[in-house]
Amino acid sequence: MSGQFITIEGIECVGKSTNAKFIEDALNKKGYKTLVTREPGGSGVGEKIRNILLFEKKDTLSPMTELLLLFAAREKHINEIIKPALNNGTWVICDRFTDASFAYQG
Protein backbone atom coordinates (compact mmCIF):
# COMPACT_ATOMS: atom_id res chain seq x y z
CA MET A 1 0.00 0.00 0.00
CA SER A 2 1.33 3.43 -0.86
CA GLY A 3 1.43 6.23 1.68
CA GLN A 4 -0.49 9.47 1.68
CA PHE A 5 0.79 13.04 1.39
CA ILE A 6 -0.54 15.70 3.77
CA THR A 7 0.51 19.34 3.61
CA ILE A 8 -0.02 21.95 6.28
CA GLU A 9 -0.01 25.55 5.09
CA GLY A 10 -0.11 28.84 6.94
CA ILE A 11 1.79 31.97 7.84
CA GLU A 12 4.59 32.03 10.40
CA CYS A 13 3.81 31.08 14.00
CA VAL A 14 0.28 29.71 13.51
CA GLY A 15 1.05 26.17 14.70
CA LYS A 16 1.95 24.26 11.54
CA SER A 17 4.65 22.24 13.30
CA THR A 18 2.40 21.64 16.31
CA ASN A 19 -0.37 20.35 14.06
CA ALA A 20 2.08 18.21 12.09
CA LYS A 21 3.11 16.54 15.37
CA PHE A 22 -0.56 16.09 16.35
CA ILE A 23 -1.33 14.41 13.01
CA GLU A 24 1.81 12.27 13.26
CA ASP A 25 0.85 11.05 16.74
CA ALA A 26 -2.73 10.28 15.66
CA LEU A 27 -1.56 8.29 12.62
CA ASN A 28 1.09 6.43 14.61
CA LYS A 29 -1.55 5.38 17.15
CA LYS A 30 -3.52 3.85 14.26
CA GLY A 31 -0.45 1.92 13.13
CA TYR A 32 0.65 4.05 10.18
CA LYS A 33 4.29 4.82 9.44
CA THR A 34 4.82 8.58 9.27
CA LEU A 35 7.44 11.11 8.26
CA VAL A 36 7.24 14.79 9.15
CA THR A 37 9.20 17.07 6.85
CA ARG A 38 9.23 20.72 5.77
CA GLU A 39 9.81 23.15 2.95
CA PRO A 40 12.04 24.77 2.23
CA GLY A 41 14.29 22.08 3.59
CA GLY A 42 13.60 18.43 4.17
CA SER A 43 16.77 17.16 2.48
CA GLY A 44 20.47 17.90 2.88
CA VAL A 45 20.55 20.30 -0.05
CA GLY A 46 17.13 21.66 0.91
CA GLU A 47 18.33 22.62 4.38
CA LYS A 48 21.31 24.47 2.89
CA ILE A 49 19.00 26.33 0.53
CA ARG A 50 16.65 27.07 3.46
CA ASN A 51 19.53 28.75 5.29
CA ILE A 52 20.35 30.86 2.25
CA LEU A 53 16.71 31.94 1.88
CA LEU A 54 16.23 32.69 5.57
CA PHE A 55 19.54 34.31 6.43
CA GLU A 56 20.80 35.94 3.23
CA LYS A 57 20.24 39.69 3.07
CA LYS A 58 16.92 40.18 1.32
CA ASP A 59 18.30 42.70 -1.18
CA THR A 60 20.91 40.23 -2.47
CA LEU A 61 18.40 37.72 -3.91
CA SER A 62 15.97 38.64 -6.63
CA PRO A 63 12.46 37.15 -6.49
CA MET A 64 13.37 34.93 -9.45
CA THR A 65 16.51 33.68 -7.68
CA GLU A 66 14.45 32.85 -4.58
CA LEU A 67 11.91 30.96 -6.69
CA LEU A 68 14.56 28.95 -8.53
CA LEU A 69 16.27 28.07 -5.24
CA LEU A 70 12.92 26.90 -3.86
CA PHE A 71 12.33 24.75 -6.94
CA ALA A 72 15.81 23.22 -6.64
CA ALA A 73 15.16 22.39 -2.98
CA ARG A 74 11.73 20.96 -3.84
CA GLU A 75 13.11 18.70 -6.57
CA LYS A 76 15.60 17.15 -4.14
CA HIS A 77 12.94 16.91 -1.42
CA ILE A 78 10.41 15.16 -3.66
CA ASN A 79 12.81 12.72 -5.29
CA GLU A 80 15.03 11.89 -2.30
CA ILE A 81 12.59 12.06 0.62
CA ILE A 82 8.89 12.26 -0.28
CA LYS A 83 8.55 9.76 -3.17
CA PRO A 84 10.61 7.00 -1.53
CA ALA A 85 8.64 7.36 1.71
CA LEU A 86 5.29 7.26 -0.09
CA ASN A 87 6.37 4.24 -2.13
CA ASN A 88 7.32 2.54 1.15
CA GLY A 89 3.80 3.06 2.52
CA THR A 90 4.75 5.96 4.79
CA TRP A 91 2.37 8.85 5.35
CA VAL A 92 4.30 12.08 4.71
CA ILE A 93 3.27 15.22 6.60
CA CYS A 94 4.86 18.32 5.10
CA ASP A 95 5.08 21.72 6.79
CA ARG A 96 4.41 23.87 3.70
CA PHE A 97 4.51 22.85 0.06
CA THR A 98 3.32 24.35 -3.24
CA ASP A 99 0.60 26.58 -1.77
CA ALA A 100 3.27 28.51 0.13
CA SER A 101 5.21 29.02 -3.11
CA PHE A 102 2.18 30.60 -4.76
CA ALA A 103 1.53 32.78 -1.72
CA TYR A 104 5.10 33.98 -1.20
CA GLN A 105 6.47 34.05 -4.75
CA GLY A 106 3.21 34.73 -6.62
PDB file of N, CA and C in Angstrom:
ATOM      1  N   MET A   1       0.846  -1.189   0.000  1.00  0.00           N
ATOM      2  CA  MET A   1       0.000   0.000   0.000  1.00  0.00           C
ATOM      3  C   MET A   1       0.883   1.240   0.000  1.00  0.00           C
ATOM      4  N   SER A   2       0.547   2.204  -0.839  1.00  0.00           N
ATOM      5  CA  SER A   2       1.332   3.430  -0.864  1.00  0.00           C
ATOM      6  C   SER A   2       0.851   4.374   0.226  1.00  0.00           C
ATOM      7  N   GLY A   3       1.761   5.261   0.641  1.00  0.00           N
ATOM      8  CA  GLY A   3       1.433   6.227   1.681  1.00  0.00           C
ATOM      9  C   GLY A   3       0.592   7.366   1.147  1.00  0.00           C
ATOM     10  N   GLN A   4       0.285   8.279   2.019  1.00  0.00           N
ATOM     11  CA  GLN A   4      -0.495   9.472   1.678  1.00  0.00           C
ATOM     12  C   GLN A   4       0.361  10.705   1.950  1.00  0.00           C
ATOM     13  N   PHE A   5       0.033  11.793   1.266  1.00  0.00           N
ATOM     14  CA  PHE A   5       0.793  13.037   1.390  1.00  0.00           C
ATOM     15  C   PHE A   5      -0.124  14.118   1.947  1.00  0.00           C
ATOM     16  N   ILE A   6       0.244  14.666   3.092  1.00  0.00           N
ATOM     17  CA  ILE A   6      -0.539  15.702   3.766  1.00  0.00           C
ATOM     18  C   ILE A   6       0.324  16.948   3.863  1.00  0.00           C
ATOM     19  N   THR A   7      -0.224  18.083   3.438  1.00  0.00           N
ATOM     20  CA  THR A   7       0.514  19.337   3.608  1.00  0.00           C
ATOM     21  C   THR A   7      -0.236  20.229   4.587  1.00  0.00           C
ATOM     22  N   ILE A   8       0.534  20.992   5.334  1.00  0.00           N
ATOM     23  CA  ILE A   8      -0.020  21.955   6.278  1.00  0.00           C
ATOM     24  C   ILE A   8       0.510  23.320   5.868  1.00  0.00           C
ATOM     25  N   GLU A   9      -0.392  24.220   5.558  1.00  0.00           N
ATOM     26  CA  GLU A   9      -0.014  25.548   5.087  1.00  0.00           C
ATOM     27  C   GLU A   9      -0.435  26.612   6.096  1.00  0.00           C
ATOM     28  N   GLY A  10       0.251  27.728   6.070  1.00  0.00           N
ATOM     29  CA  GLY A  10      -0.108  28.841   6.939  1.00  0.00           C
ATOM     30  C   GLY A  10       1.059  29.797   7.090  1.00  0.00           C
ATOM     31  N   ILE A  11       0.755  30.972   7.609  1.00  0.00           N
ATOM     32  CA  ILE A  11       1.791  31.974   7.836  1.00  0.00           C
ATOM     33  C   ILE A  11       2.647  31.558   9.029  1.00  0.00           C
ATOM     34  N   GLU A  12       3.686  32.331   9.297  1.00  0.00           N
ATOM     35  CA  GLU A  12       4.589  32.033  10.395  1.00  0.00           C
ATOM     36  C   GLU A  12       3.852  32.041  11.732  1.00  0.00           C
ATOM     37  N   CYS A  13       4.252  31.132  12.597  1.00  0.00           N
ATOM     38  CA  CYS A  13       3.810  31.080  14.003  1.00  0.00           C
ATOM     39  C   CYS A  13       2.317  30.835  14.188  1.00  0.00           C
ATOM     40  N   VAL A  14       1.705  30.038  13.317  1.00  0.00           N
ATOM     41  CA  VAL A  14       0.285  29.710  13.505  1.00  0.00           C
ATOM     42  C   VAL A  14       0.080  28.263  13.974  1.00  0.00           C
ATOM     43  N   GLY A  15       1.173  27.522  14.169  1.00  0.00           N
ATOM     44  CA  GLY A  15       1.052  26.174  14.697  1.00  0.00           C
ATOM     45  C   GLY A  15       1.166  25.055  13.684  1.00  0.00           C
ATOM     46  N   LYS A  16       1.797  25.314  12.547  1.00  0.00           N
ATOM     47  CA  LYS A  16       1.950  24.258  11.540  1.00  0.00           C
ATOM     48  C   LYS A  16       2.722  23.064  12.097  1.00  0.00           C
ATOM     49  N   SER A  17       3.840  23.322  12.739  1.00  0.00           N
ATOM     50  CA  SER A  17       4.654  22.237  13.302  1.00  0.00           C
ATOM     51  C   SER A  17       3.913  21.506  14.414  1.00  0.00           C
ATOM     52  N   THR A  18       3.193  22.246  15.235  1.00  0.00           N
ATOM     53  CA  THR A  18       2.403  21.637  16.309  1.00  0.00           C
ATOM     54  C   THR A  18       1.337  20.720  15.730  1.00  0.00           C
ATOM     55  N   ASN A  19       0.662  21.180  14.694  1.00  0.00           N
ATOM     56  CA  ASN A  19      -0.367  20.354  14.058  1.00  0.00           C
ATOM     57  C   ASN A  19       0.232  19.157  13.328  1.00  0.00           C
ATOM     58  N   ALA A  20       1.412  19.338  12.738  1.00  0.00           N
ATOM     59  CA  ALA A  20       2.079  18.206  12.090  1.00  0.00           C
ATOM     60  C   ALA A  20       2.367  17.117  13.118  1.00  0.00           C
ATOM     61  N   LYS A  21       2.836  17.501  14.294  1.00  0.00           N
ATOM     62  CA  LYS A  21       3.110  16.545  15.367  1.00  0.00           C
ATOM     63  C   LYS A  21       1.819  15.872  15.835  1.00  0.00           C
ATOM     64  N   PHE A  22       0.745  16.637  15.948  1.00  0.00           N
ATOM     65  CA  PHE A  22      -0.555  16.093  16.348  1.00  0.00           C
ATOM     66  C   PHE A  22      -1.025  15.032  15.346  1.00  0.00           C
ATOM     67  N   ILE A  23      -0.925  15.348  14.059  1.00  0.00           N
ATOM     68  CA  ILE A  23      -1.327  14.405  13.006  1.00  0.00           C
ATOM     69  C   ILE A  23      -0.430  13.172  13.035  1.00  0.00           C
ATOM     70  N   GLU A  24       0.869  13.392  13.180  1.00  0.00           N
ATOM     71  CA  GLU A  24       1.812  12.271  13.256  1.00  0.00           C
ATOM     72  C   GLU A  24       1.443  11.331  14.405  1.00  0.00           C
ATOM     73  N   ASP A  25       1.205  11.878  15.582  1.00  0.00           N
ATOM     74  CA  ASP A  25       0.850  11.054  16.743  1.00  0.00           C
ATOM     75  C   ASP A  25      -0.443  10.274  16.502  1.00  0.00           C
ATOM     76  N   ALA A  26      -1.443  10.941  15.923  1.00  0.00           N
ATOM     77  CA  ALA A  26      -2.729  10.278  15.661  1.00  0.00           C
ATOM     78  C   ALA A  26      -2.563   9.127  14.669  1.00  0.00           C
ATOM     79  N   LEU A  27      -1.782   9.341  13.611  1.00  0.00           N
ATOM     80  CA  LEU A  27      -1.563   8.288  12.619  1.00  0.00           C
ATOM     81  C   LEU A  27      -0.743   7.140  13.196  1.00  0.00           C
ATOM     82  N   ASN A  28       0.273   7.473  13.992  1.00  0.00           N
ATOM     83  CA  ASN A  28       1.089   6.428  14.608  1.00  0.00           C
ATOM     84  C   ASN A  28       0.250   5.546  15.529  1.00  0.00           C
ATOM     85  N   LYS A  29      -0.678   6.149  16.260  1.00  0.00           N
ATOM     86  CA  LYS A  29      -1.554   5.376  17.149  1.00  0.00           C
ATOM     87  C   LYS A  29      -2.431   4.401  16.367  1.00  0.00           C
ATOM     88  N   LYS A  30      -2.709   4.741  15.108  1.00  0.00           N
ATOM     89  CA  LYS A  30      -3.520   3.855  14.259  1.00  0.00           C
ATOM     90  C   LYS A  30      -2.652   2.854  13.496  1.00  0.00           C
ATOM     91  N   GLY A  31      -1.343   2.892  13.741  1.00  0.00           N
ATOM     92  CA  GLY A  31      -0.446   1.920  13.133  1.00  0.00           C
ATOM     93  C   GLY A  31       0.206   2.335  11.830  1.00  0.00           C
ATOM     94  N   TYR A  32       0.049   3.579  11.425  1.00  0.00           N
ATOM     95  CA  TYR A  32       0.654   4.048  10.179  1.00  0.00           C
ATOM     96  C   TYR A  32       2.085   4.511  10.417  1.00  0.00           C
ATOM     97  N   LYS A  33       2.947   4.251   9.427  1.00  0.00           N
ATOM     98  CA  LYS A  33       4.294   4.822   9.443  1.00  0.00           C
ATOM     99  C   LYS A  33       4.171   6.270   8.982  1.00  0.00           C
ATOM    100  N   THR A  34       4.909   7.169   9.627  1.00  0.00           N
ATOM    101  CA  THR A  34       4.822   8.583   9.274  1.00  0.00           C
ATOM    102  C   THR A  34       6.208   9.199   9.140  1.00  0.00           C
ATOM    103  N   LEU A  35       6.243  10.282   8.395  1.00  0.00           N
ATOM    104  CA  LEU A  35       7.439  11.108   8.260  1.00  0.00           C
ATOM    105  C   LEU A  35       6.981  12.555   8.251  1.00  0.00           C
ATOM    106  N   VAL A  36       7.524  13.358   9.149  1.00  0.00           N
ATOM    107  CA  VAL A  36       7.242  14.792   9.153  1.00  0.00           C
ATOM    108  C   VAL A  36       8.434  15.490   8.514  1.00  0.00           C
ATOM    109  N   THR A  37       8.153  16.354   7.562  1.00  0.00           N
ATOM    110  CA  THR A  37       9.202  17.070   6.851  1.00  0.00           C
ATOM    111  C   THR A  37       8.746  18.503   6.619  1.00  0.00           C
ATOM    112  N   ARG A  38       9.580  19.309   5.958  1.00  0.00           N
ATOM    113  CA  ARG A  38       9.235  20.722   5.772  1.00  0.00           C
ATOM    114  C   ARG A  38       9.833  21.272   4.487  1.00  0.00           C
ATOM    115  N   GLU A  39       9.258  22.392   4.075  1.00  0.00           N
ATOM    116  CA  GLU A  39       9.806  23.151   2.948  1.00  0.00           C
ATOM    117  C   GLU A  39       9.850  24.623   3.316  1.00  0.00           C
ATOM    118  N   PRO A  40      10.863  25.343   2.874  1.00  0.00           N
ATOM    119  CA  PRO A  40      12.042  24.773   2.229  1.00  0.00           C
ATOM    120  C   PRO A  40      12.835  23.950   3.237  1.00  0.00           C
ATOM    121  N   GLY A  41      13.518  22.976   2.739  1.00  0.00           N
ATOM    122  CA  GLY A  41      14.293  22.076   3.590  1.00  0.00           C
ATOM    123  C   GLY A  41      13.926  20.647   3.296  1.00  0.00           C
ATOM    124  N   GLY A  42      14.022  19.807   4.303  1.00  0.00           N
ATOM    125  CA  GLY A  42      13.599  18.426   4.173  1.00  0.00           C
ATOM    126  C   GLY A  42      14.647  17.470   3.642  1.00  0.00           C
ATOM    127  N   SER A  43      15.661  17.983   2.965  1.00  0.00           N
ATOM    128  CA  SER A  43      16.767  17.157   2.475  1.00  0.00           C
ATOM    129  C   SER A  43      18.060  17.898   2.796  1.00  0.00           C
ATOM    130  N   GLY A  44      19.186  17.247   2.605  1.00  0.00           N
ATOM    131  CA  GLY A  44      20.469  17.898   2.883  1.00  0.00           C
ATOM    132  C   GLY A  44      20.644  19.191   2.102  1.00  0.00           C
ATOM    133  N   VAL A  45      20.446  19.110   0.799  1.00  0.00           N
ATOM    134  CA  VAL A  45      20.547  20.300  -0.048  1.00  0.00           C
ATOM    135  C   VAL A  45      19.445  21.292   0.306  1.00  0.00           C
ATOM    136  N   GLY A  46      18.252  20.788   0.565  1.00  0.00           N
ATOM    137  CA  GLY A  46      17.128  21.657   0.910  1.00  0.00           C
ATOM    138  C   GLY A  46      17.382  22.480   2.154  1.00  0.00           C
ATOM    139  N   GLU A  47      18.026  21.879   3.157  1.00  0.00           N
ATOM    140  CA  GLU A  47      18.331  22.618   4.385  1.00  0.00           C
ATOM    141  C   GLU A  47      19.369  23.709   4.127  1.00  0.00           C
ATOM    142  N   LYS A  48      20.327  23.440   3.254  1.00  0.00           N
ATOM    143  CA  LYS A  48      21.314  24.465   2.895  1.00  0.00           C
ATOM    144  C   LYS A  48      20.631  25.621   2.170  1.00  0.00           C
ATOM    145  N   ILE A  49      19.739  25.291   1.247  1.00  0.00           N
ATOM    146  CA  ILE A  49      18.999  26.330   0.526  1.00  0.00           C
ATOM    147  C   ILE A  49      18.102  27.097   1.490  1.00  0.00           C
ATOM    148  N   ARG A  50      17.486  26.410   2.444  1.00  0.00           N
ATOM    149  CA  ARG A  50      16.650  27.072   3.459  1.00  0.00           C
ATOM    150  C   ARG A  50      17.462  28.136   4.195  1.00  0.00           C
ATOM    151  N   ASN A  51      18.682  27.781   4.580  1.00  0.00           N
ATOM    152  CA  ASN A  51      19.530  28.745   5.290  1.00  0.00           C
ATOM    153  C   ASN A  51      19.856  29.953   4.428  1.00  0.00           C
ATOM    154  N   ILE A  52      20.095  29.728   3.152  1.00  0.00           N
ATOM    155  CA  ILE A  52      20.347  30.859   2.247  1.00  0.00           C
ATOM    156  C   ILE A  52      19.117  31.755   2.194  1.00  0.00           C
ATOM    157  N   LEU A  53      17.948  31.154   2.012  1.00  0.00           N
ATOM    158  CA  LEU A  53      16.714  31.936   1.882  1.00  0.00           C
ATOM    159  C   LEU A  53      16.360  32.678   3.168  1.00  0.00           C
ATOM    160  N   LEU A  54      16.610  32.068   4.309  1.00  0.00           N
ATOM    161  CA  LEU A  54      16.228  32.693   5.573  1.00  0.00           C
ATOM    162  C   LEU A  54      17.240  33.712   6.079  1.00  0.00           C
ATOM    163  N   PHE A  55      18.518  33.489   5.788  1.00  0.00           N
ATOM    164  CA  PHE A  55      19.536  34.312   6.430  1.00  0.00           C
ATOM    165  C   PHE A  55      20.335  35.198   5.486  1.00  0.00           C
ATOM    166  N   GLU A  56      20.141  35.058   4.198  1.00  0.00           N
ATOM    167  CA  GLU A  56      20.800  35.944   3.234  1.00  0.00           C
ATOM    168  C   GLU A  56      20.101  37.296   3.282  1.00  0.00           C
ATOM    169  N   LYS A  57      20.858  38.356   3.109  1.00  0.00           N
ATOM    170  CA  LYS A  57      20.241  39.689   3.074  1.00  0.00           C
ATOM    171  C   LYS A  57      19.214  39.726   1.951  1.00  0.00           C
ATOM    172  N   LYS A  58      18.031  40.218   2.269  1.00  0.00           N
ATOM    173  CA  LYS A  58      16.917  40.183   1.316  1.00  0.00           C
ATOM    174  C   LYS A  58      17.219  40.908   0.006  1.00  0.00           C
ATOM    175  N   ASP A  59      18.031  41.942   0.049  1.00  0.00           N
ATOM    176  CA  ASP A  59      18.297  42.696  -1.179  1.00  0.00           C
ATOM    177  C   ASP A  59      19.328  42.022  -2.077  1.00  0.00           C
ATOM    178  N   THR A  60      19.908  40.897  -1.639  1.00  0.00           N
ATOM    179  CA  THR A  60      20.909  40.233  -2.474  1.00  0.00           C
ATOM    180  C   THR A  60      20.311  39.147  -3.369  1.00  0.00           C
ATOM    181  N   LEU A  61      19.064  38.744  -3.098  1.00  0.00           N
ATOM    182  CA  LEU A  61      18.404  37.719  -3.905  1.00  0.00           C
ATOM    183  C   LEU A  61      17.186  38.312  -4.600  1.00  0.00           C
ATOM    184  N   SER A  62      17.150  38.177  -5.902  1.00  0.00           N
ATOM    185  CA  SER A  62      15.968  38.640  -6.628  1.00  0.00           C
ATOM    186  C   SER A  62      14.821  37.655  -6.389  1.00  0.00           C
ATOM    187  N   PRO A  63      13.583  38.083  -6.625  1.00  0.00           N
ATOM    188  CA  PRO A  63      12.457  37.150  -6.492  1.00  0.00           C
ATOM    189  C   PRO A  63      12.616  35.908  -7.374  1.00  0.00           C
ATOM    190  N   MET A  64      13.163  36.079  -8.567  1.00  0.00           N
ATOM    191  CA  MET A  64      13.367  34.931  -9.454  1.00  0.00           C
ATOM    192  C   MET A  64      14.413  33.980  -8.878  1.00  0.00           C
ATOM    193  N   THR A  65      15.484  34.521  -8.307  1.00  0.00           N
ATOM    194  CA  THR A  65      16.506  33.679  -7.683  1.00  0.00           C
ATOM    195  C   THR A  65      15.912  32.888  -6.527  1.00  0.00           C
ATOM    196  N   GLU A  66      15.108  33.546  -5.696  1.00  0.00           N
ATOM    197  CA  GLU A  66      14.449  32.854  -4.584  1.00  0.00           C
ATOM    198  C   GLU A  66      13.578  31.710  -5.096  1.00  0.00           C
ATOM    199  N   LEU A  67      12.803  31.982  -6.140  1.00  0.00           N
ATOM    200  CA  LEU A  67      11.910  30.963  -6.694  1.00  0.00           C
ATOM    201  C   LEU A  67      12.694  29.768  -7.230  1.00  0.00           C
ATOM    202  N   LEU A  68      13.764  30.036  -7.964  1.00  0.00           N
ATOM    203  CA  LEU A  68      14.560  28.945  -8.526  1.00  0.00           C
ATOM    204  C   LEU A  68      15.251  28.131  -7.431  1.00  0.00           C
ATOM    205  N   LEU A  69      15.699  28.795  -6.373  1.00  0.00           N
ATOM    206  CA  LEU A  69      16.272  28.069  -5.236  1.00  0.00           C
ATOM    207  C   LEU A  69      15.219  27.173  -4.580  1.00  0.00           C
ATOM    208  N   LEU A  70      14.009  27.703  -4.424  1.00  0.00           N
ATOM    209  CA  LEU A  70      12.922  26.898  -3.858  1.00  0.00           C
ATOM    210  C   LEU A  70      12.620  25.681  -4.725  1.00  0.00           C
ATOM    211  N   PHE A  71      12.596  25.874  -6.037  1.00  0.00           N
ATOM    212  CA  PHE A  71      12.332  24.749  -6.941  1.00  0.00           C
ATOM    213  C   PHE A  71      13.450  23.710  -6.879  1.00  0.00           C
ATOM    214  N   ALA A  72      14.697  24.165  -6.765  1.00  0.00           N
ATOM    215  CA  ALA A  72      15.814  23.223  -6.637  1.00  0.00           C
ATOM    216  C   ALA A  72      15.682  22.410  -5.355  1.00  0.00           C
ATOM    217  N   ALA A  73      15.347  23.085  -4.260  1.00  0.00           N
ATOM    218  CA  ALA A  73      15.160  22.390  -2.983  1.00  0.00           C
ATOM    219  C   ALA A  73      13.994  21.410  -3.075  1.00  0.00           C
ATOM    220  N   ARG A  74      12.911  21.818  -3.722  1.00  0.00           N
ATOM    221  CA  ARG A  74      11.730  20.955  -3.837  1.00  0.00           C
ATOM    222  C   ARG A  74      12.038  19.707  -4.664  1.00  0.00           C
ATOM    223  N   GLU A  75      12.778  19.858  -5.739  1.00  0.00           N
ATOM    224  CA  GLU A  75      13.109  18.700  -6.575  1.00  0.00           C
ATOM    225  C   GLU A  75      13.864  17.652  -5.756  1.00  0.00           C
ATOM    226  N   LYS A  76      14.848  18.084  -4.983  1.00  0.00           N
ATOM    227  CA  LYS A  76      15.600  17.151  -4.138  1.00  0.00           C
ATOM    228  C   LYS A  76      14.686  16.533  -3.081  1.00  0.00           C
ATOM    229  N   HIS A  77      13.852  17.348  -2.479  1.00  0.00           N
ATOM    230  CA  HIS A  77      12.944  16.906  -1.421  1.00  0.00           C
ATOM    231  C   HIS A  77      11.982  15.837  -1.944  1.00  0.00           C
ATOM    232  N   ILE A  78      11.374  16.108  -3.086  1.00  0.00           N
ATOM    233  CA  ILE A  78      10.410  15.164  -3.661  1.00  0.00           C
ATOM    234  C   ILE A  78      11.089  13.846  -4.022  1.00  0.00           C
ATOM    235  N   ASN A  79      12.194  13.930  -4.750  1.00  0.00           N
ATOM    236  CA  ASN A  79      12.812  12.716  -5.286  1.00  0.00           C
ATOM    237  C   ASN A  79      13.640  11.927  -4.280  1.00  0.00           C
ATOM    238  N   GLU A  80      14.192  12.597  -3.270  1.00  0.00           N
ATOM    239  CA  GLU A  80      15.032  11.891  -2.302  1.00  0.00           C
ATOM    240  C   GLU A  80      14.301  11.527  -1.015  1.00  0.00           C
ATOM    241  N   ILE A  81      13.256  12.269  -0.667  1.00  0.00           N
ATOM    242  CA  ILE A  81      12.593  12.065   0.620  1.00  0.00           C
ATOM    243  C   ILE A  81      11.130  11.641   0.444  1.00  0.00           C
ATOM    244  N   ILE A  82      10.343  12.466  -0.234  1.00  0.00           N
ATOM    245  CA  ILE A  82       8.892  12.258  -0.282  1.00  0.00           C
ATOM    246  C   ILE A  82       8.510  11.007  -1.075  1.00  0.00           C
ATOM    247  N   LYS A  83       8.941  10.912  -2.340  1.00  0.00           N
ATOM    248  CA  LYS A  83       8.551   9.756  -3.168  1.00  0.00           C
ATOM    249  C   LYS A  83       8.979   8.418  -2.570  1.00  0.00           C
ATOM    250  N   PRO A  84      10.235   8.283  -2.129  1.00  0.00           N
ATOM    251  CA  PRO A  84      10.612   6.998  -1.531  1.00  0.00           C
ATOM    252  C   PRO A  84       9.769   6.639  -0.302  1.00  0.00           C
ATOM    253  N   ALA A  85       9.469   7.630   0.524  1.00  0.00           N
ATOM    254  CA  ALA A  85       8.644   7.363   1.712  1.00  0.00           C
ATOM    255  C   ALA A  85       7.242   6.918   1.309  1.00  0.00           C
ATOM    256  N   LEU A  86       6.637   7.630   0.364  1.00  0.00           N
ATOM    257  CA  LEU A  86       5.292   7.263  -0.089  1.00  0.00           C
ATOM    258  C   LEU A  86       5.277   5.866  -0.700  1.00  0.00           C
ATOM    259  N   ASN A  87       6.285   5.563  -1.503  1.00  0.00           N
ATOM    260  CA  ASN A  87       6.370   4.239  -2.129  1.00  0.00           C
ATOM    261  C   ASN A  87       6.568   3.126  -1.104  1.00  0.00           C
ATOM    262  N   ASN A  88       7.094   3.495   0.061  1.00  0.00           N
ATOM    263  CA  ASN A  88       7.320   2.543   1.148  1.00  0.00           C
ATOM    264  C   ASN A  88       6.102   2.419   2.063  1.00  0.00           C
ATOM    265  N   GLY A  89       5.017   3.119   1.720  1.00  0.00           N
ATOM    266  CA  GLY A  89       3.803   3.058   2.522  1.00  0.00           C
ATOM    267  C   GLY A  89       3.750   4.044   3.671  1.00  0.00           C
ATOM    268  N   THR A  90       4.684   4.969   3.706  1.00  0.00           N
ATOM    269  CA  THR A  90       4.745   5.956   4.785  1.00  0.00           C
ATOM    270  C   THR A  90       3.851   7.143   4.467  1.00  0.00           C
ATOM    271  N   TRP A  91       3.147   7.625   5.472  1.00  0.00           N
ATOM    272  CA  TRP A  91       2.370   8.853   5.348  1.00  0.00           C
ATOM    273  C   TRP A  91       3.320  10.021   5.583  1.00  0.00           C
ATOM    274  N   VAL A  92       3.399  10.934   4.625  1.00  0.00           N
ATOM    275  CA  VAL A  92       4.298  12.085   4.711  1.00  0.00           C
ATOM    276  C   VAL A  92       3.484  13.320   5.078  1.00  0.00           C
ATOM    277  N   ILE A  93       3.918  14.000   6.129  1.00  0.00           N
ATOM    278  CA  ILE A  93       3.273  15.222   6.602  1.00  0.00           C
ATOM    279  C   ILE A  93       4.272  16.347   6.375  1.00  0.00           C
ATOM    280  N   CYS A  94       3.920  17.279   5.508  1.00  0.00           N
ATOM    281  CA  CYS A  94       4.861  18.320   5.103  1.00  0.00           C
ATOM    282  C   CYS A  94       4.409  19.695   5.586  1.00  0.00           C
ATOM    283  N   ASP A  95       5.283  20.351   6.328  1.00  0.00           N
ATOM    284  CA  ASP A  95       5.078  21.717   6.794  1.00  0.00           C
ATOM    285  C   ASP A  95       5.406  22.638   5.618  1.00  0.00           C
ATOM    286  N   ARG A  96       4.378  23.061   4.921  1.00  0.00           N
ATOM    287  CA  ARG A  96       4.408  23.872   3.697  1.00  0.00           C
ATOM    288  C   ARG A  96       4.769  23.036   2.475  1.00  0.00           C
ATOM    289  N   PHE A  97       4.189  23.470   1.342  1.00  0.00           N
ATOM    290  CA  PHE A  97       4.510  22.848   0.060  1.00  0.00           C
ATOM    291  C   PHE A  97       4.173  23.857  -1.027  1.00  0.00           C
ATOM    292  N   THR A  98       3.509  23.457  -2.095  1.00  0.00           N
ATOM    293  CA  THR A  98       3.323  24.346  -3.243  1.00  0.00           C
ATOM    294  C   THR A  98       2.447  25.559  -2.948  1.00  0.00           C
ATOM    295  N   ASP A  99       1.454  25.419  -2.074  1.00  0.00           N
ATOM    296  CA  ASP A  99       0.603  26.582  -1.768  1.00  0.00           C
ATOM    297  C   ASP A  99       1.426  27.746  -1.240  1.00  0.00           C
ATOM    298  N   ALA A 100       2.418  27.453  -0.411  1.00  0.00           N
ATOM    299  CA  ALA A 100       3.272  28.512   0.129  1.00  0.00           C
ATOM    300  C   ALA A 100       4.065  29.193  -0.986  1.00  0.00           C
ATOM    301  N   SER A 101       4.481  28.419  -1.985  1.00  0.00           N
ATOM    302  CA  SER A 101       5.214  29.018  -3.109  1.00  0.00           C
ATOM    303  C   SER A 101       4.345  30.024  -3.846  1.00  0.00           C
ATOM    304  N   PHE A 102       3.089  29.660  -4.093  1.00  0.00           N
ATOM    305  CA  PHE A 102       2.181  30.595  -4.762  1.00  0.00           C
ATOM    306  C   PHE A 102       1.953  31.835  -3.907  1.00  0.00           C
ATOM    307  N   ALA A 103       1.806  31.654  -2.611  1.00  0.00           N
ATOM    308  CA  ALA A 103       1.532  32.783  -1.723  1.00  0.00           C
ATOM    309  C   ALA A 103       2.731  33.715  -1.600  1.00  0.00           C
ATOM    310  N   TYR A 104       3.920  33.150  -1.446  1.00  0.00           N
ATOM    311  CA  TYR A 104       5.100  33.979  -1.205  1.00  0.00           C
ATOM    312  C   TYR A 104       5.754  34.482  -2.485  1.00  0.00           C
ATOM    313  N   GLN A 105       5.800  33.649  -3.523  1.00  0.00           N
ATOM    314  CA  GLN A 105       6.471  34.051  -4.753  1.00  0.00           C
ATOM    315  C   GLN A 105       5.504  34.522  -5.833  1.00  0.00           C
ATOM    316  N   GLY A 106       4.218  34.278  -5.649  1.00  0.00           N
ATOM    317  CA  GLY A 106       3.215  34.726  -6.618  1.00  0.00           C
ATOM    318  C   GLY A 106       3.277  33.915  -7.848  1.00  0.00           C
TER     319      GLY A 106
END
